[in-house]
């Protein structure tokens, strides 16, 4: 068997070769535990390399296949419900974005929400919670203290 590669480059990011495939893929922004497991199973179907293999034990010529599955999971029959951009606002397509593409898309969505002055966009711009959480006692680091103040001691 070939020597273990400690660093494997997939999707322009260096991943740890000492971890199993699914766990190593989680180092990519946009790939969760569930998506990492699904990609590892799909990779096993395509190449006959077991999903619990360490990423560094995969032959170098298989890196391209892994990268192709990571970048275009919808082409390999991965279910639409596992993708992170379903029915995208602009195009209505189902996509799975990772790394800088995901960051750019999130920034673009929040700019759009701020521009149309939606509740969610405004709250996010003000640095407040968006999903109905109470803010009287939590989320304190963003403003002045709320509560009772001690009286000054009289001499």
N, C-alpha and C. Protein backbone atom coordinates (compact mmCIF):
# COMPACT_ATOMS: atom_id res chain seq x y z
N UNK A 1 0.84 -1.19 0.00
CA UNK A 1 0.00 0.00 0.00
C UNK A 1 0.88 1.24 0.00
N UNK A 2 0.41 2.27 -0.64
CA UNK A 2 1.17 3.52 -0.77
C UNK A 2 1.27 4.22 0.59
N UNK A 3 2.21 5.12 0.67
CA UNK A 3 2.43 5.87 1.89
C UNK A 3 1.29 6.87 2.11
N UNK A 4 0.95 7.10 3.36
CA UNK A 4 -0.13 8.03 3.72
C UNK A 4 0.29 9.46 3.40
N UNK A 5 -0.53 10.16 2.62
CA UNK A 5 -0.28 11.59 2.34
C UNK A 5 -0.90 12.39 3.47
N UNK A 6 -0.14 13.26 4.09
CA UNK A 6 -0.64 14.02 5.23
C UNK A 6 -1.52 15.19 4.79
N UNK A 7 -1.27 15.72 3.61
CA UNK A 7 -2.06 16.83 3.10
C UNK A 7 -2.58 16.47 1.72
N UNK A 8 -3.90 16.61 1.54
CA UNK A 8 -4.54 16.34 0.26
C UNK A 8 -5.25 17.61 -0.17
N UNK A 9 -5.00 18.05 -1.40
CA UNK A 9 -5.59 19.30 -1.89
C UNK A 9 -6.85 19.00 -2.70
N UNK A 10 -7.98 19.46 -2.18
CA UNK A 10 -9.27 19.29 -2.86
C UNK A 10 -9.99 20.63 -2.81
N UNK A 11 -10.49 21.07 -3.96
CA UNK A 11 -11.23 22.33 -4.08
C UNK A 11 -10.42 23.51 -3.56
N UNK A 12 -9.14 23.57 -3.93
CA UNK A 12 -8.23 24.65 -3.55
C UNK A 12 -8.08 24.83 -2.04
N UNK A 13 -8.16 23.74 -1.29
CA UNK A 13 -7.94 23.78 0.15
C UNK A 13 -7.17 22.54 0.55
N UNK A 14 -6.22 22.70 1.43
CA UNK A 14 -5.45 21.58 1.94
C UNK A 14 -6.24 20.90 3.05
N UNK A 15 -6.52 19.63 2.88
CA UNK A 15 -7.27 18.85 3.86
C UNK A 15 -6.34 17.86 4.54
N UNK A 16 -6.67 17.49 5.75
CA UNK A 16 -5.86 16.54 6.51
C UNK A 16 -6.03 15.14 5.94
N UNK A 17 -4.92 14.49 5.61
CA UNK A 17 -4.96 13.15 5.07
C UNK A 17 -5.09 12.08 6.14
N UNK A 18 -4.98 12.48 7.41
CA UNK A 18 -5.05 11.52 8.51
C UNK A 18 -6.49 11.22 8.93
N UNK A 19 -7.43 12.00 8.46
CA UNK A 19 -8.83 11.81 8.83
C UNK A 19 -9.55 10.97 7.77
N UNK A 20 -10.66 10.37 8.15
CA UNK A 20 -11.46 9.62 7.20
C UNK A 20 -12.11 10.59 6.22
N UNK A 21 -12.54 10.08 5.09
CA UNK A 21 -13.01 10.92 3.98
C UNK A 21 -14.07 11.92 4.43
N UNK A 22 -15.14 11.43 5.06
CA UNK A 22 -16.25 12.31 5.44
C UNK A 22 -15.80 13.39 6.42
N UNK A 23 -14.98 13.01 7.38
CA UNK A 23 -14.52 13.96 8.40
C UNK A 23 -13.58 15.00 7.79
N UNK A 24 -12.72 14.57 6.88
CA UNK A 24 -11.78 15.51 6.24
C UNK A 24 -12.52 16.50 5.35
N UNK A 25 -13.58 16.05 4.67
CA UNK A 25 -14.33 16.96 3.79
C UNK A 25 -15.05 18.04 4.58
N UNK A 26 -15.31 17.79 5.86
CA UNK A 26 -15.99 18.79 6.69
C UNK A 26 -15.13 20.04 6.91
N UNK A 27 -13.84 19.97 6.59
CA UNK A 27 -12.98 21.15 6.70
C UNK A 27 -13.30 22.18 5.62
N UNK A 28 -14.00 21.76 4.57
CA UNK A 28 -14.43 22.69 3.53
C UNK A 28 -15.68 23.42 4.00
N UNK A 29 -15.69 24.74 3.90
CA UNK A 29 -16.87 25.51 4.30
C UNK A 29 -18.02 25.18 3.35
N UNK A 30 -19.16 24.81 3.91
CA UNK A 30 -20.32 24.45 3.10
C UNK A 30 -20.59 22.96 3.08
N UNK A 31 -19.71 22.17 3.69
CA UNK A 31 -19.93 20.73 3.76
C UNK A 31 -20.09 20.34 5.22
N UNK A 32 -21.28 19.84 5.53
CA UNK A 32 -21.61 19.45 6.89
C UNK A 32 -21.30 17.97 7.10
N UNK A 33 -21.61 17.49 8.30
CA UNK A 33 -21.42 16.07 8.60
C UNK A 33 -22.22 15.21 7.64
N UNK A 34 -23.47 15.55 7.49
CA UNK A 34 -24.35 14.75 6.64
C UNK A 34 -23.88 14.77 5.19
N UNK A 35 -23.54 15.95 4.68
CA UNK A 35 -23.09 16.06 3.29
C UNK A 35 -21.77 15.34 3.09
N UNK A 36 -20.86 15.40 4.06
CA UNK A 36 -19.59 14.69 3.98
C UNK A 36 -19.80 13.19 3.87
N UNK A 37 -20.74 12.68 4.65
CA UNK A 37 -21.05 11.24 4.63
C UNK A 37 -21.66 10.84 3.28
N UNK A 38 -22.56 11.67 2.76
CA UNK A 38 -23.20 11.38 1.46
C UNK A 38 -22.16 11.38 0.35
N UNK A 39 -21.25 12.35 0.36
CA UNK A 39 -20.21 12.42 -0.66
C UNK A 39 -19.28 11.22 -0.56
N UNK A 40 -18.94 10.81 0.67
CA UNK A 40 -18.06 9.65 0.86
C UNK A 40 -18.71 8.39 0.31
N UNK A 41 -20.02 8.23 0.52
CA UNK A 41 -20.72 7.06 -0.02
C UNK A 41 -20.77 7.09 -1.54
N UNK A 42 -20.99 8.27 -2.09
CA UNK A 42 -21.02 8.40 -3.56
C UNK A 42 -19.64 8.13 -4.15
N UNK A 43 -18.60 8.58 -3.46
CA UNK A 43 -17.22 8.31 -3.91
C UNK A 43 -16.94 6.81 -3.89
N UNK A 44 -17.48 6.12 -2.87
CA UNK A 44 -17.31 4.66 -2.79
C UNK A 44 -18.00 3.97 -3.97
N UNK A 45 -19.19 4.44 -4.33
CA UNK A 45 -19.91 3.86 -5.48
C UNK A 45 -19.12 4.05 -6.78
N UNK A 46 -18.52 5.23 -6.93
CA UNK A 46 -17.82 5.56 -8.16
C UNK A 46 -16.47 4.86 -8.29
N UNK A 47 -15.76 4.70 -7.18
CA UNK A 47 -14.37 4.23 -7.27
C UNK A 47 -14.09 2.90 -6.56
N UNK A 48 -15.04 2.37 -5.81
CA UNK A 48 -14.86 1.14 -5.04
C UNK A 48 -13.83 1.28 -3.91
N UNK A 49 -13.58 2.51 -3.47
CA UNK A 49 -12.72 2.75 -2.32
C UNK A 49 -13.64 2.97 -1.12
N UNK A 50 -13.46 2.19 -0.06
CA UNK A 50 -14.38 2.25 1.08
C UNK A 50 -14.47 3.65 1.67
N UNK A 51 -15.67 3.98 2.16
CA UNK A 51 -15.90 5.32 2.69
C UNK A 51 -15.16 5.60 3.99
N UNK A 52 -14.77 4.56 4.73
CA UNK A 52 -14.06 4.78 5.99
C UNK A 52 -12.54 4.81 5.82
N UNK A 53 -12.09 4.88 4.57
CA UNK A 53 -10.66 5.00 4.27
C UNK A 53 -10.18 6.40 4.64
N UNK A 54 -8.94 6.49 5.06
CA UNK A 54 -8.37 7.81 5.34
C UNK A 54 -8.14 8.53 4.02
N UNK A 55 -8.34 9.82 4.03
CA UNK A 55 -8.21 10.63 2.81
C UNK A 55 -6.81 10.53 2.22
N UNK A 56 -5.79 10.41 3.06
CA UNK A 56 -4.42 10.32 2.58
C UNK A 56 -4.08 8.99 1.91
N UNK A 57 -4.90 7.95 2.14
CA UNK A 57 -4.67 6.64 1.52
C UNK A 57 -5.24 6.54 0.12
N UNK A 58 -6.02 7.52 -0.30
CA UNK A 58 -6.60 7.50 -1.64
C UNK A 58 -5.49 7.82 -2.65
N UNK A 59 -5.42 7.08 -3.75
CA UNK A 59 -4.40 7.37 -4.76
C UNK A 59 -4.57 8.80 -5.32
N UNK A 60 -3.47 9.41 -5.70
CA UNK A 60 -3.49 10.80 -6.19
C UNK A 60 -4.37 10.97 -7.42
N UNK A 61 -4.44 9.94 -8.26
CA UNK A 61 -5.26 10.08 -9.47
C UNK A 61 -6.76 10.10 -9.16
N UNK A 62 -7.16 9.75 -7.94
CA UNK A 62 -8.57 9.78 -7.54
C UNK A 62 -8.97 11.14 -6.95
N UNK A 63 -8.00 12.01 -6.70
CA UNK A 63 -8.30 13.33 -6.14
C UNK A 63 -9.23 14.12 -7.05
N UNK A 64 -9.02 14.03 -8.35
CA UNK A 64 -9.86 14.77 -9.30
C UNK A 64 -11.30 14.30 -9.23
N UNK A 65 -11.50 12.98 -9.08
CA UNK A 65 -12.86 12.42 -8.97
C UNK A 65 -13.55 12.94 -7.71
N UNK A 66 -12.79 12.95 -6.59
CA UNK A 66 -13.34 13.46 -5.33
C UNK A 66 -13.72 14.93 -5.48
N UNK A 67 -12.85 15.72 -6.10
CA UNK A 67 -13.10 17.15 -6.28
C UNK A 67 -14.33 17.37 -7.17
N UNK A 68 -14.48 16.54 -8.18
CA UNK A 68 -15.64 16.65 -9.07
C UNK A 68 -16.94 16.38 -8.32
N UNK A 69 -16.94 15.38 -7.45
CA UNK A 69 -18.14 15.08 -6.65
C UNK A 69 -18.43 16.21 -5.68
N UNK A 70 -17.38 16.77 -5.07
CA UNK A 70 -17.57 17.86 -4.10
C UNK A 70 -18.11 19.11 -4.78
N UNK A 71 -17.60 19.44 -5.97
CA UNK A 71 -18.00 20.67 -6.65
C UNK A 71 -19.35 20.55 -7.36
N UNK A 72 -19.70 19.35 -7.84
CA UNK A 72 -20.96 19.15 -8.57
C UNK A 72 -21.72 17.94 -8.04
N UNK A 73 -22.20 17.98 -6.80
CA UNK A 73 -22.86 16.79 -6.24
C UNK A 73 -24.18 16.45 -6.94
N UNK A 74 -24.84 17.45 -7.51
CA UNK A 74 -26.13 17.18 -8.15
C UNK A 74 -25.98 16.30 -9.40
N UNK A 75 -24.82 16.31 -10.04
CA UNK A 75 -24.57 15.48 -11.22
C UNK A 75 -24.40 14.01 -10.88
N UNK A 76 -24.12 13.73 -9.61
CA UNK A 76 -23.86 12.35 -9.20
C UNK A 76 -25.04 11.73 -8.45
N UNK A 77 -26.21 12.32 -8.58
CA UNK A 77 -27.41 11.74 -7.99
C UNK A 77 -27.55 11.99 -6.50
N UNK A 78 -26.80 12.93 -5.96
CA UNK A 78 -26.97 13.27 -4.55
C UNK A 78 -28.29 14.01 -4.40
N UNK A 79 -29.12 13.63 -3.42
CA UNK A 79 -30.48 14.19 -3.33
C UNK A 79 -30.50 15.71 -3.17
N UNK A 80 -31.53 16.32 -3.75
CA UNK A 80 -31.64 17.78 -3.73
C UNK A 80 -31.80 18.34 -2.32
N UNK A 81 -32.43 17.56 -1.42
CA UNK A 81 -32.65 18.08 -0.07
C UNK A 81 -31.36 18.26 0.70
N UNK A 82 -30.25 17.66 0.25
CA UNK A 82 -29.00 17.79 0.98
C UNK A 82 -28.15 18.97 0.48
N UNK A 83 -28.57 19.62 -0.60
CA UNK A 83 -27.82 20.75 -1.14
C UNK A 83 -28.07 21.99 -0.29
N UNK A 84 -27.10 22.91 -0.24
CA UNK A 84 -27.26 24.07 0.65
C UNK A 84 -27.90 25.28 0.00
N UNK A 85 -28.15 25.27 -1.30
CA UNK A 85 -28.86 26.36 -1.96
C UNK A 85 -29.97 25.76 -2.81
N UNK A 86 -31.14 25.59 -2.22
CA UNK A 86 -32.27 25.02 -2.94
C UNK A 86 -33.16 26.15 -3.43
N UNK A 87 -33.59 26.03 -4.68
CA UNK A 87 -34.44 27.06 -5.30
C UNK A 87 -33.86 28.45 -5.05
N UNK A 88 -32.67 28.66 -5.56
CA UNK A 88 -31.95 29.91 -5.37
C UNK A 88 -32.79 31.10 -5.85
N UNK A 89 -32.64 32.23 -5.18
CA UNK A 89 -33.48 33.40 -5.44
C UNK A 89 -33.40 33.87 -6.88
N UNK A 90 -32.20 34.01 -7.43
CA UNK A 90 -32.03 34.56 -8.77
C UNK A 90 -32.47 33.61 -9.86
N UNK A 91 -31.99 32.36 -9.81
CA UNK A 91 -32.20 31.44 -10.93
C UNK A 91 -33.24 30.36 -10.66
N UNK A 92 -33.56 30.09 -9.42
CA UNK A 92 -34.52 29.04 -9.09
C UNK A 92 -33.92 27.64 -9.16
N UNK A 93 -32.59 27.54 -9.31
CA UNK A 93 -31.93 26.24 -9.42
C UNK A 93 -31.55 25.71 -8.04
N UNK A 94 -31.26 24.41 -8.00
CA UNK A 94 -30.72 23.78 -6.81
C UNK A 94 -29.22 23.66 -7.00
N UNK A 95 -28.43 24.21 -6.05
CA UNK A 95 -26.98 24.20 -6.15
C UNK A 95 -26.38 23.83 -4.81
N UNK A 96 -25.12 23.45 -4.86
CA UNK A 96 -24.37 23.27 -3.61
C UNK A 96 -23.10 24.09 -3.74
N UNK A 97 -22.99 25.14 -2.93
CA UNK A 97 -21.84 26.03 -2.99
C UNK A 97 -20.89 25.74 -1.84
N UNK A 98 -19.60 25.92 -2.09
CA UNK A 98 -18.61 25.74 -1.04
C UNK A 98 -17.61 26.88 -1.07
N UNK A 99 -16.92 27.05 0.04
CA UNK A 99 -15.81 27.98 0.21
C UNK A 99 -16.19 29.42 -0.17
N UNK A 100 -15.42 30.08 -1.01
CA UNK A 100 -15.62 31.50 -1.31
C UNK A 100 -16.92 31.75 -2.07
N UNK A 101 -17.36 30.79 -2.88
CA UNK A 101 -18.64 30.95 -3.59
C UNK A 101 -19.79 31.09 -2.59
N UNK A 102 -19.76 30.29 -1.53
CA UNK A 102 -20.79 30.32 -0.50
C UNK A 102 -20.76 31.66 0.24
N UNK A 103 -19.56 32.10 0.63
CA UNK A 103 -19.43 33.38 1.32
C UNK A 103 -19.94 34.54 0.46
N UNK A 104 -19.60 34.54 -0.83
CA UNK A 104 -20.04 35.59 -1.74
C UNK A 104 -21.56 35.58 -1.87
N UNK A 105 -22.16 34.39 -2.00
CA UNK A 105 -23.61 34.29 -2.16
C UNK A 105 -24.33 34.76 -0.90
N UNK A 106 -23.80 34.41 0.29
CA UNK A 106 -24.42 34.87 1.54
C UNK A 106 -24.36 36.39 1.64
N UNK A 107 -23.20 36.96 1.31
CA UNK A 107 -23.04 38.42 1.37
C UNK A 107 -24.02 39.09 0.41
N UNK A 108 -24.16 38.53 -0.79
CA UNK A 108 -25.07 39.09 -1.79
C UNK A 108 -26.52 39.03 -1.30
N UNK A 109 -26.91 37.92 -0.69
CA UNK A 109 -28.28 37.79 -0.17
C UNK A 109 -28.56 38.80 0.93
N UNK A 110 -27.60 39.01 1.85
CA UNK A 110 -27.82 39.96 2.93
C UNK A 110 -27.84 41.39 2.42
N UNK A 111 -27.05 41.69 1.40
CA UNK A 111 -27.10 43.03 0.79
C UNK A 111 -28.46 43.26 0.15
N UNK A 112 -28.99 42.24 -0.52
CA UNK A 112 -30.31 42.35 -1.15
C UNK A 112 -31.38 42.60 -0.09
N UNK A 113 -31.31 41.85 1.02
CA UNK A 113 -32.31 42.02 2.09
C UNK A 113 -32.21 43.40 2.72
N UNK A 114 -31.00 43.91 2.89
CA UNK A 114 -30.84 45.26 3.46
C UNK A 114 -31.36 46.31 2.50
N UNK A 115 -31.10 46.11 1.21
CA UNK A 115 -31.52 47.07 0.20
C UNK A 115 -33.04 47.20 0.12
N UNK A 116 -33.76 46.06 0.23
CA UNK A 116 -35.22 46.12 0.16
C UNK A 116 -35.84 46.40 1.53
N UNK A 117 -34.96 46.59 2.52
CA UNK A 117 -35.37 46.93 3.88
C UNK A 117 -36.32 45.90 4.49
N UNK A 118 -35.99 44.63 4.31
CA UNK A 118 -36.77 43.58 4.96
C UNK A 118 -36.43 43.55 6.44
N UNK A 119 -37.31 43.01 7.24
CA UNK A 119 -37.09 42.91 8.69
C UNK A 119 -35.78 42.20 8.98
N UNK A 120 -35.58 41.08 8.31
CA UNK A 120 -34.38 40.27 8.54
C UNK A 120 -33.12 41.04 8.14
N UNK A 121 -33.16 41.73 7.02
CA UNK A 121 -32.01 42.49 6.56
C UNK A 121 -31.67 43.64 7.50
N UNK A 122 -32.70 44.36 7.98
CA UNK A 122 -32.47 45.47 8.90
C UNK A 122 -31.89 44.99 10.22
N UNK A 123 -32.49 43.95 10.81
CA UNK A 123 -32.01 43.42 12.09
C UNK A 123 -30.57 42.94 11.97
N UNK A 124 -30.26 42.30 10.86
CA UNK A 124 -28.90 41.80 10.67
C UNK A 124 -27.92 42.97 10.54
N UNK A 125 -28.33 44.02 9.86
CA UNK A 125 -27.49 45.20 9.73
C UNK A 125 -27.24 45.90 11.07
N UNK A 126 -28.22 45.85 11.95
CA UNK A 126 -28.09 46.47 13.27
C UNK A 126 -27.34 45.58 14.26
N UNK A 127 -27.05 44.35 13.86
CA UNK A 127 -26.35 43.43 14.76
C UNK A 127 -27.24 42.81 15.80
N UNK A 128 -28.54 42.75 15.54
CA UNK A 128 -29.50 42.14 16.48
C UNK A 128 -29.89 40.75 16.02
N UNK A 129 -30.60 40.03 16.88
CA UNK A 129 -31.05 38.69 16.49
C UNK A 129 -32.16 38.80 15.47
N UNK A 130 -32.29 37.77 14.65
CA UNK A 130 -33.22 37.81 13.53
C UNK A 130 -34.40 36.88 13.73
N UNK A 131 -34.21 35.83 14.50
CA UNK A 131 -35.20 34.76 14.54
C UNK A 131 -36.04 34.73 15.82
N UNK A 132 -36.35 35.87 16.38
CA UNK A 132 -37.31 35.94 17.48
C UNK A 132 -36.76 35.65 18.86
N UNK A 133 -35.45 35.60 19.03
CA UNK A 133 -34.91 35.35 20.36
C UNK A 133 -35.12 36.57 21.25
N UNK A 134 -35.19 36.34 22.57
CA UNK A 134 -35.31 37.46 23.50
C UNK A 134 -33.94 38.09 23.66
N UNK A 135 -33.92 39.41 23.79
CA UNK A 135 -32.64 40.10 23.85
C UNK A 135 -32.46 40.92 25.13
N UNK A 136 -33.41 40.82 26.07
CA UNK A 136 -33.27 41.61 27.29
C UNK A 136 -32.10 41.12 28.13
N UNK A 137 -31.95 39.82 28.25
CA UNK A 137 -30.91 39.30 29.13
C UNK A 137 -29.77 38.62 28.38
N UNK A 138 -29.96 38.30 27.11
CA UNK A 138 -28.89 37.62 26.38
C UNK A 138 -28.39 38.51 25.25
N UNK A 139 -27.39 38.08 24.58
CA UNK A 139 -26.78 38.83 23.46
C UNK A 139 -26.29 40.18 23.96
N UNK A 140 -25.59 40.19 25.09
CA UNK A 140 -25.26 41.43 25.76
C UNK A 140 -24.09 42.19 25.16
N UNK A 141 -23.13 41.57 24.54
CA UNK A 141 -21.89 42.26 24.19
C UNK A 141 -22.03 43.39 23.19
N UNK A 142 -23.21 43.65 22.69
CA UNK A 142 -23.35 44.61 21.59
C UNK A 142 -23.87 45.97 22.01
N UNK A 143 -24.18 46.18 23.27
CA UNK A 143 -24.72 47.47 23.66
C UNK A 143 -24.53 47.71 25.14
N UNK A 144 -25.23 48.72 25.68
CA UNK A 144 -25.07 49.04 27.09
C UNK A 144 -25.74 47.99 27.99
N UNK A 145 -25.32 47.98 29.24
CA UNK A 145 -25.86 47.03 30.21
C UNK A 145 -27.28 47.42 30.56
N UNK A 146 -28.15 46.42 30.71
CA UNK A 146 -29.53 46.65 31.10
C UNK A 146 -29.72 46.05 32.48
N UNK A 147 -30.38 46.76 33.38
CA UNK A 147 -30.64 46.19 34.69
C UNK A 147 -30.53 47.22 35.78
N UNK A 148 -30.46 46.73 37.02
CA UNK A 148 -30.43 47.60 38.20
C UNK A 148 -29.01 48.02 38.50
N UNK A 149 -28.83 49.29 38.84
CA UNK A 149 -27.52 49.80 39.22
C UNK A 149 -27.49 50.08 40.73
N UNK A 150 -26.35 49.86 41.36
CA UNK A 150 -26.23 50.11 42.79
C UNK A 150 -26.21 51.62 43.06
N UNK A 151 -26.75 52.00 44.20
CA UNK A 151 -26.67 53.40 44.60
C UNK A 151 -25.29 53.68 45.14
N UNK A 152 -24.86 54.93 45.02
CA UNK A 152 -23.56 55.30 45.58
C UNK A 152 -23.66 55.27 47.11
N UNK A 153 -22.62 54.78 47.73
CA UNK A 153 -22.59 54.71 49.21
C UNK A 153 -22.47 56.14 49.76
N UNK A 154 -23.36 56.46 50.74
CA UNK A 154 -23.31 57.81 51.37
C UNK A 154 -22.27 57.81 52.47
N UNK A 155 -21.61 58.93 52.60
CA UNK A 155 -20.55 59.05 53.60
C UNK A 155 -21.05 59.55 54.91
